[in-house]
């Protein structure tokens, strides 16, 4: 193999790699894609009162690892435009284990929210647009006696006044670990 043919092959391989990386950087949904989608989501209105949720966690291969239900009690208080929400979630897993997470959400304007919970590292950042809400955060996840910090890219889509669908990817170091699929039903 000549030096020239190695260079041509290497250049073609590098060009292909750069094309794939460039396209993958543009891939994926954007919140702005949903700006005109109806019904319009108002997080304060939807997550107010009692909701039931039904979900599954799938691993990287798509295998269902856990099934669960959630009972949510939600309320908001504070002056208009600066409301604070409390989302009290009680999880019951198919293996009988239970878990509780209490979110505190602060509306910061322009459809943006900041959230905290005891098992969330720092702050969760979210924004609504059209019928969608995107929420990003790092969660402390206990597994077999150890705790791992994993990232969630959480997308919620309002279907109608009672039903919202939720799809969240879980990753660590940018590597996809699995996905949570959840449906909320407002009572």
Protein backbone atom coordinates (compact mmCIF):
# COMPACT_ATOMS: atom_id res chain seq x y z
CA UNK A 1 0.00 0.00 0.00
CA UNK A 2 1.43 3.35 -1.01
CA UNK A 3 1.58 6.40 1.17
CA UNK A 4 -0.83 8.13 -1.22
CA UNK A 5 -3.48 5.37 -0.97
CA UNK A 6 -3.19 5.38 2.86
CA UNK A 7 -3.70 9.14 2.84
CA UNK A 8 -6.74 8.88 0.53
CA UNK A 9 -8.30 6.11 2.63
CA UNK A 10 -7.54 7.95 5.85
CA UNK A 11 -8.96 11.19 4.48
CA UNK A 12 -12.13 9.46 3.28
CA UNK A 13 -12.55 7.78 6.66
CA UNK A 14 -11.98 11.08 8.50
CA UNK A 15 -14.42 12.92 6.21
CA UNK A 16 -17.05 10.22 6.85
CA UNK A 17 -16.50 10.40 10.60
CA UNK A 18 -16.80 14.20 10.59
CA UNK A 19 -20.01 13.98 8.55
CA UNK A 20 -21.55 11.50 10.99
CA UNK A 21 -20.48 13.59 14.00
CA UNK A 22 -21.76 16.76 12.37
CA UNK A 23 -25.13 15.22 11.58
CA UNK A 24 -25.49 13.70 15.04
CA UNK A 25 -24.81 17.14 16.57
CA UNK A 26 -27.87 18.44 14.70
CA UNK A 27 -29.98 15.40 15.45
CA UNK A 28 -32.53 15.22 18.20
CA UNK A 29 -35.62 17.11 19.18
CA UNK A 30 -35.56 20.77 20.08
CA UNK A 31 -38.06 22.37 22.45
CA UNK A 32 -38.80 25.01 19.83
CA UNK A 33 -40.14 22.22 17.55
CA UNK A 34 -43.25 22.19 19.78
CA UNK A 35 -43.88 25.95 20.09
CA UNK A 36 -47.12 25.78 18.06
CA UNK A 37 -48.32 22.38 19.30
CA UNK A 38 -51.66 22.24 21.10
CA UNK A 39 -53.01 21.95 23.69
CA UNK A 40 -50.67 24.49 25.29
CA UNK A 41 -49.05 23.25 28.47
CA UNK A 42 -49.13 25.32 31.64
CA UNK A 43 -47.14 23.26 34.13
CA UNK A 44 -48.76 25.08 37.06
CA UNK A 45 -52.22 24.14 35.85
CA UNK A 46 -51.50 20.53 34.89
CA UNK A 47 -49.45 19.61 37.97
CA UNK A 48 -52.03 20.89 40.41
CA UNK A 49 -54.14 18.47 42.44
CA UNK A 50 -53.83 14.68 42.42
CA UNK A 51 -52.40 12.67 39.54
CA UNK A 52 -51.72 9.01 38.92
CA UNK A 53 -48.80 7.85 36.79
CA UNK A 54 -47.89 4.49 35.26
CA UNK A 55 -44.41 3.74 34.00
CA UNK A 56 -41.65 1.39 32.96
CA UNK A 57 -37.87 1.55 32.95
CA UNK A 58 -36.15 -0.14 30.01
CA UNK A 59 -32.43 -0.85 29.73
CA UNK A 60 -30.27 -0.07 26.68
CA UNK A 61 -31.55 -3.13 24.82
CA UNK A 62 -35.20 -2.15 25.40
CA UNK A 63 -35.84 -4.85 28.01
CA UNK A 64 -38.33 -3.81 30.71
CA UNK A 65 -36.38 -3.82 33.98
CA UNK A 66 -38.96 -2.23 36.30
CA UNK A 67 -42.64 -1.32 36.27
CA UNK A 68 -44.04 1.25 38.67
CA UNK A 69 -46.96 3.48 39.61
CA UNK A 70 -46.82 6.96 41.11
CA UNK A 71 -49.33 8.85 43.22
CA UNK A 72 -48.66 12.59 42.91
CA UNK A 73 -50.06 15.36 45.08
CA UNK A 74 -49.26 18.77 43.62
CA UNK A 75 -49.86 22.35 44.71
CA UNK A 76 -48.67 25.87 43.88
CA UNK A 77 -48.40 29.06 45.94
CA UNK A 78 -46.95 32.54 45.64
CA UNK A 79 -47.57 35.67 43.60
CA UNK A 80 -48.37 35.37 39.87
CA UNK A 81 -45.24 34.91 37.80
CA UNK A 82 -43.21 33.73 40.80
CA UNK A 83 -45.17 30.68 41.88
CA UNK A 84 -43.56 27.80 43.75
CA UNK A 85 -44.85 24.29 43.17
CA UNK A 86 -44.54 21.20 45.34
CA UNK A 87 -44.86 17.85 43.55
CA UNK A 88 -45.00 15.06 46.13
CA UNK A 89 -44.41 11.72 44.35
CA UNK A 90 -44.98 8.30 45.95
CA UNK A 91 -43.52 5.49 43.80
CA UNK A 92 -44.57 1.84 44.12
CA UNK A 93 -42.45 -0.61 42.09
CA UNK A 94 -43.52 -4.00 40.78
CA UNK A 95 -41.12 -5.72 43.22
CA UNK A 96 -42.96 -4.09 46.14
CA UNK A 97 -40.36 -1.46 46.97
CA UNK A 98 -41.46 2.12 47.59
CA UNK A 99 -39.80 5.47 47.13
CA UNK A 100 -40.73 9.10 47.66
CA UNK A 101 -39.48 12.21 45.89
CA UNK A 102 -40.66 15.72 46.67
CA UNK A 103 -39.91 18.26 43.97
CA UNK A 104 -39.94 21.99 44.62
CA UNK A 105 -40.35 23.94 41.38
CA UNK A 106 -39.81 27.66 41.07
CA UNK A 107 -41.22 29.47 38.04
CA UNK A 108 -38.58 31.92 36.82
CA UNK A 109 -40.47 33.43 33.87
CA UNK A 110 -40.69 32.85 30.13
CA UNK A 111 -41.87 29.26 30.64
CA UNK A 112 -38.73 28.36 32.60
CA UNK A 113 -38.52 26.49 35.89
CA UNK A 114 -35.84 25.54 38.39
CA UNK A 115 -36.40 22.40 40.43
CA UNK A 116 -34.86 20.76 43.47
CA UNK A 117 -35.37 17.46 45.29
CA UNK A 118 -33.40 15.64 48.00
CA UNK A 119 -31.96 13.09 45.54
CA UNK A 120 -31.21 15.61 42.77
CA UNK A 121 -27.69 17.02 42.48
CA UNK A 122 -27.84 20.82 42.30
CA UNK A 123 -30.77 22.21 40.35
CA UNK A 124 -32.96 20.76 37.63
CA UNK A 125 -33.63 23.14 34.75
CA UNK A 126 -36.81 23.03 32.71
CA UNK A 127 -38.73 24.94 30.10
CA UNK A 128 -42.16 24.60 28.50
CA UNK A 129 -43.05 25.42 24.89
CA UNK A 130 -46.34 24.63 23.18
CA UNK A 131 -47.50 21.28 24.54
CA UNK A 132 -44.01 20.16 25.68
CA UNK A 133 -41.80 20.48 28.75
CA UNK A 134 -38.10 19.55 28.81
CA UNK A 135 -36.44 18.93 32.16
CA UNK A 136 -32.74 18.17 32.66
CA UNK A 137 -31.18 17.05 35.93
CA UNK A 138 -28.68 14.76 37.66
CA UNK A 139 -30.21 12.17 39.99
CA UNK A 140 -28.55 10.19 42.79
CA UNK A 141 -29.59 6.63 41.90
CA UNK A 142 -29.10 3.85 44.48
CA UNK A 143 -28.17 0.48 42.91
CA UNK A 144 -27.08 -2.58 44.91
CA UNK A 145 -25.86 -0.60 47.92
CA UNK A 146 -24.03 2.05 45.87
CA UNK A 147 -25.21 5.45 44.67
CA UNK A 148 -24.54 6.65 41.13
CA UNK A 149 -25.09 10.11 39.70
CA UNK A 150 -26.95 9.78 36.40
CA UNK A 151 -28.26 12.41 34.03
CA UNK A 152 -31.89 12.62 32.90
CA UNK A 153 -33.15 14.29 29.73
CA UNK A 154 -36.85 14.34 30.51
CA UNK A 155 -39.51 15.24 27.89
CA UNK A 156 -43.22 15.62 28.72
CA UNK A 157 -46.02 16.07 26.17
CA UNK A 158 -49.53 17.23 27.09
CA UNK A 159 -52.06 15.12 25.16
CA UNK A 160 -55.25 16.66 26.57
CA UNK A 161 -56.39 18.26 29.82
CA UNK A 162 -56.03 14.94 31.71
CA UNK A 163 -53.20 12.96 30.03
CA UNK A 164 -49.50 13.72 29.69
CA UNK A 165 -46.86 11.38 28.27
CA UNK A 166 -43.29 11.40 29.57
CA UNK A 167 -40.16 9.98 27.97
CA UNK A 168 -36.80 10.34 29.73
CA UNK A 169 -33.36 9.14 28.73
CA UNK A 170 -30.96 8.22 31.49
CA UNK A 171 -27.21 8.43 30.82
CA UNK A 172 -23.82 8.46 32.53
CA UNK A 173 -20.74 10.06 30.95
CA UNK A 174 -22.86 10.59 27.82
CA UNK A 175 -23.58 6.86 27.49
CA UNK A 176 -27.28 5.96 27.31
CA UNK A 177 -28.20 3.60 30.15
CA UNK A 178 -31.93 3.29 29.61
CA UNK A 179 -35.23 5.03 29.28
CA UNK A 180 -38.23 5.80 31.46
CA UNK A 181 -41.66 5.88 29.79
CA UNK A 182 -44.50 7.26 31.88
CA UNK A 183 -48.10 8.36 31.47
CA UNK A 184 -49.68 10.86 33.86
CA UNK A 185 -53.45 10.94 34.37
CA UNK A 186 -54.99 13.87 36.20
CA UNK A 187 -57.91 13.00 38.50
